[in-house]
Amino acid sequence: MMYPYMILADDTEIVHSHVIEENGIKCVEVHFERPTEEGFDIARCSLPSYTWIKREGFTDLEIEKFIKFLHSNAHLLYKYAESGGIKIA
């Protein structure tokens, strides 16, 4: 299950998984997706290791910005992943 988190100014949508327990470690996958004329740019990162699982279309600079974003938002992503996503309205 993926939960919406945020849409950036360039229409990149950020969604996250529920908490996934792997070898006793709580993990969350964060997916970035941006529409293009040919389809989508995509990138998926696994927390807490910050390992990129998928990456197509985003530049190295954009990935670096996503890494900074993830470091700043990891605590919130875990919080919402544990509670079933952001409760809006």
PDB file of N, CA and C in Angstrom:
ATOM      1  N   MET A   1       0.847  -1.179   0.000  1.00  0.00           N
ATOM      2  CA  MET A   1       0.000   0.000   0.000  1.00  0.00           C
ATOM      3  C   MET A   1       0.886   1.234   0.000  1.00  0.00           C
ATOM      4  N   MET A   2       0.571   2.176  -0.873  1.00  0.00           N
ATOM      5  CA  MET A   2       1.309   3.434  -0.931  1.00  0.00           C
ATOM      6  C   MET A   2       0.366   4.570  -0.517  1.00  0.00           C
ATOM      7  N   TYR A   3       0.917   5.529   0.210  1.00  0.00           N
ATOM      8  CA  TYR A   3       0.136   6.657   0.717  1.00  0.00           C
ATOM      9  C   TYR A   3       0.681   7.965   0.144  1.00  0.00           C
ATOM     10  N   PRO A   4      -0.192   8.898  -0.268  1.00  0.00           N
ATOM     11  CA  PRO A   4       0.286  10.186  -0.773  1.00  0.00           C
ATOM     12  C   PRO A   4       0.955  10.990   0.339  1.00  0.00           C
ATOM     13  N   TYR A   5       2.006  11.696  -0.036  1.00  0.00           N
ATOM     14  CA  TYR A   5       2.704  12.543   0.938  1.00  0.00           C
ATOM     15  C   TYR A   5       2.745  14.002   0.475  1.00  0.00           C
ATOM     16  N   MET A   6       3.188  14.244  -0.773  1.00  0.00           N
ATOM     17  CA  MET A   6       3.379  15.622  -1.208  1.00  0.00           C
ATOM     18  C   MET A   6       3.500  15.670  -2.724  1.00  0.00           C
ATOM     19  N   ILE A   7       3.124  16.817  -3.307  1.00  0.00           N
ATOM     20  CA  ILE A   7       3.371  17.084  -4.727  1.00  0.00           C
ATOM     21  C   ILE A   7       4.235  18.340  -4.800  1.00  0.00           C
ATOM     22  N   LEU A   8       5.369  18.241  -5.483  1.00  0.00           N
ATOM     23  CA  LEU A   8       6.302  19.356  -5.616  1.00  0.00           C
ATOM     24  C   LEU A   8       5.872  20.293  -6.750  1.00  0.00           C
ATOM     25  N   ALA A   9       6.501  21.448  -6.838  1.00  0.00           N
ATOM     26  CA  ALA A   9       6.150  22.467  -7.833  1.00  0.00           C
ATOM     27  C   ALA A   9       6.299  21.980  -9.274  1.00  0.00           C
ATOM     28  N   ASP A  10       7.207  21.019  -9.508  1.00  0.00           N
ATOM     29  CA  ASP A  10       7.403  20.501 -10.875  1.00  0.00           C
ATOM     30  C   ASP A  10       6.501  19.298 -11.166  1.00  0.00           C
ATOM     31  N   ASP A  11       5.475  19.102 -10.341  1.00  0.00           N
ATOM     32  CA  ASP A  11       4.508  17.998 -10.445  1.00  0.00           C
ATOM     33  C   ASP A  11       5.070  16.640 -10.050  1.00  0.00           C
ATOM     34  N   THR A  12       6.230  16.611  -9.392  1.00  0.00           N
ATOM     35  CA  THR A  12       6.727  15.355  -8.853  1.00  0.00           C
ATOM     36  C   THR A  12       5.862  14.973  -7.664  1.00  0.00           C
ATOM     37  N   GLU A  13       5.266  13.790  -7.735  1.00  0.00           N
ATOM     38  CA  GLU A  13       4.440  13.297  -6.634  1.00  0.00           C
ATOM     39  C   GLU A  13       5.287  12.376  -5.768  1.00  0.00           C
ATOM     40  N   ILE A  14       5.158  12.542  -4.456  1.00  0.00           N
ATOM     41  CA  ILE A  14       5.894  11.722  -3.502  1.00  0.00           C
ATOM     42  C   ILE A  14       4.880  10.911  -2.713  1.00  0.00           C
ATOM     43  N   VAL A  15       5.071   9.588  -2.731  1.00  0.00           N
ATOM     44  CA  VAL A  15       4.231   8.690  -1.957  1.00  0.00           C
ATOM     45  C   VAL A  15       5.140   7.775  -1.147  1.00  0.00           C
ATOM     46  N   HIS A  16       4.578   7.149  -0.115  1.00  0.00           N
ATOM     47  CA  HIS A  16       5.379   6.261   0.728  1.00  0.00           C
ATOM     48  C   HIS A  16       4.595   5.002   1.060  1.00  0.00           C
ATOM     49  N   SER A  17       5.327   3.978   1.418  1.00  0.00           N
ATOM     50  CA  SER A  17       4.730   2.696   1.793  1.00  0.00           C
ATOM     51  C   SER A  17       4.320   2.721   3.257  1.00  0.00           C
ATOM     52  N   HIS A  18       3.690   1.635   3.675  1.00  0.00           N
ATOM     53  CA  HIS A  18       3.500   1.362   5.088  1.00  0.00           C
ATOM     54  C   HIS A  18       4.860   0.898   5.626  1.00  0.00           C
ATOM     55  N   VAL A  19       4.969   0.715   6.921  1.00  0.00           N
ATOM     56  CA  VAL A  19       6.220   0.220   7.493  1.00  0.00           C
ATOM     57  C   VAL A  19       6.378  -1.249   7.094  1.00  0.00           C
ATOM     58  N   ILE A  20       7.550  -1.560   6.560  1.00  0.00           N
ATOM     59  CA  ILE A  20       7.889  -2.917   6.136  1.00  0.00           C
ATOM     60  C   ILE A  20       9.004  -3.408   7.047  1.00  0.00           C
ATOM     61  N   GLU A  21       8.760  -4.485   7.768  1.00  0.00           N
ATOM     62  CA  GLU A  21       9.782  -5.012   8.669  1.00  0.00           C
ATOM     63  C   GLU A  21      10.657  -6.001   7.910  1.00  0.00           C
ATOM     64  N   GLU A  22      11.966  -5.721   7.868  1.00  0.00           N
ATOM     65  CA  GLU A  22      12.929  -6.586   7.192  1.00  0.00           C
ATOM     66  C   GLU A  22      14.075  -6.891   8.148  1.00  0.00           C
ATOM     67  N   ASN A  23      14.193  -8.158   8.538  1.00  0.00           N
ATOM     68  CA  ASN A  23      15.260  -8.582   9.458  1.00  0.00           C
ATOM     69  C   ASN A  23      15.269  -7.763  10.746  1.00  0.00           C
ATOM     70  N   GLY A  24      14.085  -7.464  11.265  1.00  0.00           N
ATOM     71  CA  GLY A  24      13.974  -6.707  12.505  1.00  0.00           C
ATOM     72  C   GLY A  24      14.162  -5.211  12.354  1.00  0.00           C
ATOM     73  N   ILE A  25      14.286  -4.723  11.128  1.00  0.00           N
ATOM     74  CA  ILE A  25      14.464  -3.284  10.873  1.00  0.00           C
ATOM     75  C   ILE A  25      13.206  -2.739  10.214  1.00  0.00           C
ATOM     76  N   LYS A  26      12.703  -1.632  10.751  1.00  0.00           N
ATOM     77  CA  LYS A  26      11.532  -0.992  10.157  1.00  0.00           C
ATOM     78  C   LYS A  26      11.963  -0.149   8.959  1.00  0.00           C
ATOM     79  N   CYS A  27      11.421  -0.490   7.792  1.00  0.00           N
ATOM     80  CA  CYS A  27      11.767   0.197   6.552  1.00  0.00           C
ATOM     81  C   CYS A  27      10.536   0.874   5.960  1.00  0.00           C
ATOM     82  N   VAL A  28      10.766   1.937   5.230  1.00  0.00           N
ATOM     83  CA  VAL A  28       9.726   2.631   4.478  1.00  0.00           C
ATOM     84  C   VAL A  28      10.286   2.911   3.089  1.00  0.00           C
ATOM     85  N   GLU A  29       9.500   2.584   2.063  1.00  0.00           N
ATOM     86  CA  GLU A  29       9.896   2.916   0.698  1.00  0.00           C
ATOM     87  C   GLU A  29       9.219   4.223   0.294  1.00  0.00           C
ATOM     88  N   VAL A  30      10.011   5.123  -0.299  1.00  0.00           N
ATOM     89  CA  VAL A  30       9.501   6.424  -0.744  1.00  0.00           C
ATOM     90  C   VAL A  30       9.669   6.487  -2.255  1.00  0.00           C
ATOM     91  N   HIS A  31       8.573   6.794  -2.933  1.00  0.00           N
ATOM     92  CA  HIS A  31       8.527   6.779  -4.395  1.00  0.00           C
ATOM     93  C   HIS A  31       8.313   8.199  -4.914  1.00  0.00           C
ATOM     94  N   PHE A  32       9.140   8.608  -5.869  1.00  0.00           N
ATOM     95  CA  PHE A  32       9.042   9.905  -6.539  1.00  0.00           C
ATOM     96  C   PHE A  32       8.631   9.639  -7.977  1.00  0.00           C
ATOM     97  N   GLU A  33       7.637  10.379  -8.472  1.00  0.00           N
ATOM     98  CA  GLU A  33       7.160  10.173  -9.838  1.00  0.00           C
ATOM     99  C   GLU A  33       6.758  11.514 -10.453  1.00  0.00           C
ATOM    100  N   ARG A  34       7.277  11.760 -11.661  1.00  0.00           N
ATOM    101  CA  ARG A  34       6.989  13.018 -12.364  1.00  0.00           C
ATOM    102  C   ARG A  34       6.549  12.699 -13.786  1.00  0.00           C
ATOM    103  N   PRO A  35       5.404  13.258 -14.217  1.00  0.00           N
ATOM    104  CA  PRO A  35       4.954  12.997 -15.586  1.00  0.00           C
ATOM    105  C   PRO A  35       5.873  13.651 -16.613  1.00  0.00           C
ATOM    106  N   THR A  36       6.069  12.962 -17.740  1.00  0.00           N
ATOM    107  CA  THR A  36       6.833  13.488 -18.868  1.00  0.00           C
ATOM    108  C   THR A  36       6.010  13.242 -20.128  1.00  0.00           C
ATOM    109  N   GLU A  37       6.484  13.742 -21.254  1.00  0.00           N
ATOM    110  CA  GLU A  37       5.785  13.504 -22.513  1.00  0.00           C
ATOM    111  C   GLU A  37       5.803  12.024 -22.891  1.00  0.00           C
ATOM    112  N   GLU A  38       6.829  11.297 -22.453  1.00  0.00           N
ATOM    113  CA  GLU A  38       6.973   9.878 -22.789  1.00  0.00           C
ATOM    114  C   GLU A  38       6.408   8.943 -21.729  1.00  0.00           C
ATOM    115  N   GLY A  39       6.018   9.455 -20.588  1.00  0.00           N
ATOM    116  CA  GLY A  39       5.527   8.616 -19.492  1.00  0.00           C
ATOM    117  C   GLY A  39       5.814   9.251 -18.149  1.00  0.00           C
ATOM    118  N   PHE A  40       6.771   8.667 -17.399  1.00  0.00           N
ATOM    119  CA  PHE A  40       7.097   9.179 -16.073  1.00  0.00           C
ATOM    120  C   PHE A  40       8.584   9.026 -15.786  1.00  0.00           C
ATOM    121  N   ASP A  41       9.141  10.006 -15.050  1.00  0.00           N
ATOM    122  CA  ASP A  41      10.423   9.836 -14.388  1.00  0.00           C
ATOM    123  C   ASP A  41      10.087   9.209 -13.044  1.00  0.00           C
ATOM    124  N   ILE A  42      10.876   8.213 -12.620  1.00  0.00           N
ATOM    125  CA  ILE A  42      10.602   7.562 -11.344  1.00  0.00           C
ATOM    126  C   ILE A  42      11.883   7.348 -10.557  1.00  0.00           C
ATOM    127  N   ALA A  43      11.721   7.364  -9.250  1.00  0.00           N
ATOM    128  CA  ALA A  43      12.816   7.021  -8.348  1.00  0.00           C
ATOM    129  C   ALA A  43      12.178   6.470  -7.075  1.00  0.00           C
ATOM    130  N   ARG A  44      12.773   5.415  -6.540  1.00  0.00           N
ATOM    131  CA  ARG A  44      12.263   4.824  -5.298  1.00  0.00           C
ATOM    132  C   ARG A  44      13.432   4.556  -4.370  1.00  0.00           C
ATOM    133  N   CYS A  45      13.282   5.012  -3.127  1.00  0.00           N
ATOM    134  CA  CYS A  45      14.341   4.902  -2.131  1.00  0.00           C
ATOM    135  C   CYS A  45      13.818   4.148  -0.912  1.00  0.00           C
ATOM    136  N   SER A  46      14.667   3.301  -0.344  1.00  0.00           N
ATOM    137  CA  SER A  46      14.322   2.561   0.860  1.00  0.00           C
ATOM    138  C   SER A  46      14.999   3.207   2.062  1.00  0.00           C
ATOM    139  N   LEU A  47      14.192   3.541   3.058  1.00  0.00           N
ATOM    140  CA  LEU A  47      14.704   4.072   4.318  1.00  0.00           C
ATOM    141  C   LEU A  47      14.721   2.931   5.332  1.00  0.00           C
ATOM    142  N   PRO A  48      15.643   2.853   6.244  1.00  0.00           N
ATOM    143  CA  PRO A  48      16.578   3.882   6.666  1.00  0.00           C
ATOM    144  C   PRO A  48      17.938   3.850   5.962  1.00  0.00           C
ATOM    145  N   SER A  49      18.136   2.929   5.004  1.00  0.00           N
ATOM    146  CA  SER A  49      19.454   2.802   4.363  1.00  0.00           C
ATOM    147  C   SER A  49      19.701   3.849   3.276  1.00  0.00           C
ATOM    148  N   TYR A  50      18.641   4.533   2.823  1.00  0.00           N
ATOM    149  CA  TYR A  50      18.729   5.506   1.717  1.00  0.00           C
ATOM    150  C   TYR A  50      19.293   4.836   0.455  1.00  0.00           C
ATOM    151  N   THR A  51      18.843   3.609   0.216  1.00  0.00           N
ATOM    152  CA  THR A  51      19.239   2.841  -0.961  1.00  0.00           C
ATOM    153  C   THR A  51      18.222   3.082  -2.071  1.00  0.00           C
ATOM    154  N   TRP A  52      18.711   3.439  -3.267  1.00  0.00           N
ATOM    155  CA  TRP A  52      17.822   3.673  -4.401  1.00  0.00           C
ATOM    156  C   TRP A  52      17.508   2.336  -5.059  1.00  0.00           C
ATOM    157  N   ILE A  53      16.232   1.992  -5.077  1.00  0.00           N
ATOM    158  CA  ILE A  53      15.755   0.727  -5.635  1.00  0.00           C
ATOM    159  C   ILE A  53      15.529   0.872  -7.134  1.00  0.00           C
ATOM    160  N   LYS A  54      14.961   1.994  -7.530  1.00  0.00           N
ATOM    161  CA  LYS A  54      14.688   2.302  -8.940  1.00  0.00           C
ATOM    162  C   LYS A  54      15.095   3.743  -9.187  1.00  0.00           C
ATOM    163  N   ARG A  55      15.481   3.984 -10.436  1.00  0.00           N
ATOM    164  CA  ARG A  55      15.822   5.366 -10.794  1.00  0.00           C
ATOM    165  C   ARG A  55      15.842   5.492 -12.310  1.00  0.00           C
ATOM    166  N   GLU A  56      14.879   6.237 -12.862  1.00  0.00           N
ATOM    167  CA  GLU A  56      14.796   6.456 -14.304  1.00  0.00           C
ATOM    168  C   GLU A  56      14.353   7.891 -14.568  1.00  0.00           C
ATOM    169  N   GLY A  57      15.175   8.654 -15.256  1.00  0.00           N
ATOM    170  CA  GLY A  57      14.782   9.980 -15.724  1.00  0.00           C
ATOM    171  C   GLY A  57      15.224  11.151 -14.873  1.00  0.00           C
ATOM    172  N   PHE A  58      15.378  10.966 -13.572  1.00  0.00           N
ATOM    173  CA  PHE A  58      15.810  12.065 -12.716  1.00  0.00           C
ATOM    174  C   PHE A  58      17.332  12.223 -12.810  1.00  0.00           C
ATOM    175  N   THR A  59      17.800  13.473 -12.802  1.00  0.00           N
ATOM    176  CA  THR A  59      19.235  13.753 -12.889  1.00  0.00           C
ATOM    177  C   THR A  59      19.922  13.484 -11.547  1.00  0.00           C
ATOM    178  N   ASP A  60      21.249  13.440 -11.568  1.00  0.00           N
ATOM    179  CA  ASP A  60      22.011  13.275 -10.326  1.00  0.00           C
ATOM    180  C   ASP A  60      21.726  14.421  -9.360  1.00  0.00           C
ATOM    181  N   LEU A  61      21.591  15.630  -9.878  1.00  0.00           N
ATOM    182  CA  LEU A  61      21.296  16.786  -9.027  1.00  0.00           C
ATOM    183  C   LEU A  61      19.920  16.639  -8.371  1.00  0.00           C
ATOM    184  N   GLU A  62      18.946  16.180  -9.127  1.00  0.00           N
ATOM    185  CA  GLU A  62      17.609  15.980  -8.564  1.00  0.00           C
ATOM    186  C   GLU A  62      17.638  14.903  -7.482  1.00  0.00           C
ATOM    187  N   ILE A  63      18.381  13.837  -7.713  1.00  0.00           N
ATOM    188  CA  ILE A  63      18.500  12.771  -6.715  1.00  0.00           C
ATOM    189  C   ILE A  63      19.153  13.307  -5.443  1.00  0.00           C
ATOM    190  N   GLU A  64      20.176  14.140  -5.588  1.00  0.00           N
ATOM    191  CA  GLU A  64      20.812  14.759  -4.416  1.00  0.00           C
ATOM    192  C   GLU A  64      19.808  15.593  -3.624  1.00  0.00           C
ATOM    193  N   LYS A  65      18.950  16.318  -4.316  1.00  0.00           N
ATOM    194  CA  LYS A  65      17.907  17.104  -3.636  1.00  0.00           C
ATOM    195  C   LYS A  65      16.919  16.183  -2.932  1.00  0.00           C
ATOM    196  N   PHE A  66      16.585  15.055  -3.563  1.00  0.00           N
ATOM    197  CA  PHE A  66      15.686  14.092  -2.929  1.00  0.00           C
ATOM    198  C   PHE A  66      16.320  13.510  -1.667  1.00  0.00           C
ATOM    199  N   ILE A  67      17.623  13.253  -1.704  1.00  0.00           N
ATOM    200  CA  ILE A  67      18.309  12.733  -0.516  1.00  0.00           C
ATOM    201  C   ILE A  67      18.209  13.726   0.638  1.00  0.00           C
ATOM    202  N   LYS A  68      18.438  15.007   0.356  1.00  0.00           N
ATOM    203  CA  LYS A  68      18.296  16.040   1.393  1.00  0.00           C
ATOM    204  C   LYS A  68      16.860  16.084   1.899  1.00  0.00           C
ATOM    205  N   PHE A  69      15.901  16.005   0.981  1.00  0.00           N
ATOM    206  CA  PHE A  69      14.487  15.990   1.340  1.00  0.00           C
ATOM    207  C   PHE A  69      14.186  14.811   2.264  1.00  0.00           C
ATOM    208  N   LEU A  70      14.694  13.633   1.904  1.00  0.00           N
ATOM    209  CA  LEU A  70      14.437  12.443   2.710  1.00  0.00           C
ATOM    210  C   LEU A  70      15.038  12.559   4.109  1.00  0.00           C
ATOM    211  N   HIS A  71      16.239  13.090   4.210  1.00  0.00           N
ATOM    212  CA  HIS A  71      16.860  13.267   5.524  1.00  0.00           C
ATOM    213  C   HIS A  71      16.038  14.224   6.384  1.00  0.00           C
ATOM    214  N   SER A  72      15.448  15.234   5.773  1.00  0.00           N
ATOM    215  CA  SER A  72      14.643  16.210   6.515  1.00  0.00           C
ATOM    216  C   SER A  72      13.251  15.691   6.862  1.00  0.00           C
ATOM    217  N   ASN A  73      12.759  14.721   6.105  1.00  0.00           N
ATOM    218  CA  ASN A  73      11.382  14.258   6.270  1.00  0.00           C
ATOM    219  C   ASN A  73      11.252  12.822   6.772  1.00  0.00           C
ATOM    220  N   ALA A  74      12.355  12.142   6.987  1.00  0.00           N
ATOM    221  CA  ALA A  74      12.297  10.716   7.353  1.00  0.00           C
ATOM    222  C   ALA A  74      11.430  10.482   8.588  1.00  0.00           C
ATOM    223  N   HIS A  75      11.577  11.322   9.596  1.00  0.00           N
ATOM    224  CA  HIS A  75      10.794  11.121  10.825  1.00  0.00           C
ATOM    225  C   HIS A  75       9.293  11.221  10.553  1.00  0.00           C
ATOM    226  N   LEU A  76       8.892  12.131   9.670  1.00  0.00           N
ATOM    227  CA  LEU A  76       7.478  12.260   9.323  1.00  0.00           C
ATOM    228  C   LEU A  76       7.014  11.102   8.454  1.00  0.00           C
ATOM    229  N   LEU A  77       7.845  10.683   7.518  1.00  0.00           N
ATOM    230  CA  LEU A  77       7.487   9.557   6.660  1.00  0.00           C
ATOM    231  C   LEU A  77       7.262   8.291   7.497  1.00  0.00           C
ATOM    232  N   TYR A  78       8.105   8.057   8.490  1.00  0.00           N
ATOM    233  CA  TYR A  78       7.908   6.913   9.381  1.00  0.00           C
ATOM    234  C   TYR A  78       6.629   7.078  10.198  1.00  0.00           C
ATOM    235  N   LYS A  79       6.400   8.271  10.703  1.00  0.00           N
ATOM    236  CA  LYS A  79       5.197   8.532  11.505  1.00  0.00           C
ATOM    237  C   LYS A  79       3.937   8.228  10.695  1.00  0.00           C
ATOM    238  N   TYR A  80       3.868   8.749   9.477  1.00  0.00           N
ATOM    239  CA  TYR A  80       2.682   8.536   8.652  1.00  0.00           C
ATOM    240  C   TYR A  80       2.598   7.097   8.138  1.00  0.00           C
ATOM    241  N   ALA A  81       3.732   6.466   7.889  1.00  0.00           N
ATOM    242  CA  ALA A  81       3.736   5.074   7.450  1.00  0.00           C
ATOM    243  C   ALA A  81       3.171   4.158   8.530  1.00  0.00           C
ATOM    244  N   GLU A  82       3.469   4.480   9.781  1.00  0.00           N
ATOM    245  CA  GLU A  82       2.971   3.670  10.901  1.00  0.00           C
ATOM    246  C   GLU A  82       1.483   3.894  11.157  1.00  0.00           C
ATOM    247  N   SER A  83       0.972   5.072  10.775  1.00  0.00           N
ATOM    248  CA  SER A  83      -0.426   5.383  11.081  1.00  0.00           C
ATOM    249  C   SER A  83      -1.349   5.283   9.872  1.00  0.00           C
ATOM    250  N   GLY A  84      -0.861   4.771   8.745  1.00  0.00           N
ATOM    251  CA  GLY A  84      -1.719   4.597   7.584  1.00  0.00           C
ATOM    252  C   GLY A  84      -1.861   5.845   6.730  1.00  0.00           C
ATOM    253  N   GLY A  85      -0.847   6.671   6.673  1.00  0.00           N
ATOM    254  CA  GLY A  85      -0.854   7.858   5.814  1.00  0.00           C
ATOM    255  C   GLY A  85      -1.308   9.105   6.551  1.00  0.00           C
ATOM    256  N   ILE A  86      -1.181  10.232   5.877  1.00  0.00           N
ATOM    257  CA  ILE A  86      -1.587  11.519   6.428  1.00  0.00           C
ATOM    258  C   ILE A  86      -3.107  11.578   6.460  1.00  0.00           C
ATOM    259  N   LYS A  87      -3.645  12.000   7.580  1.00  0.00           N
ATOM    260  CA  LYS A  87      -5.104  12.148   7.700  1.00  0.00           C
ATOM    261  C   LYS A  87      -5.459  13.589   7.338  1.00  0.00           C
ATOM    262  N   ILE A  88      -6.073  13.745   6.165  1.00  0.00           N
ATOM    263  CA  ILE A  88      -6.448  15.084   5.671  1.00  0.00           C
ATOM    264  C   ILE A  88      -7.959  15.213   5.694  1.00  0.00           C
ATOM    265  N   ALA A  89      -8.415  16.360   6.166  1.00  0.00           N
ATOM    266  CA  ALA A  89      -9.843  16.709   6.241  1.00  0.00           C
ATOM    267  C   ALA A  89     -10.555  15.754   7.063  1.00  0.00           C
TER     268      ALA A  89
END
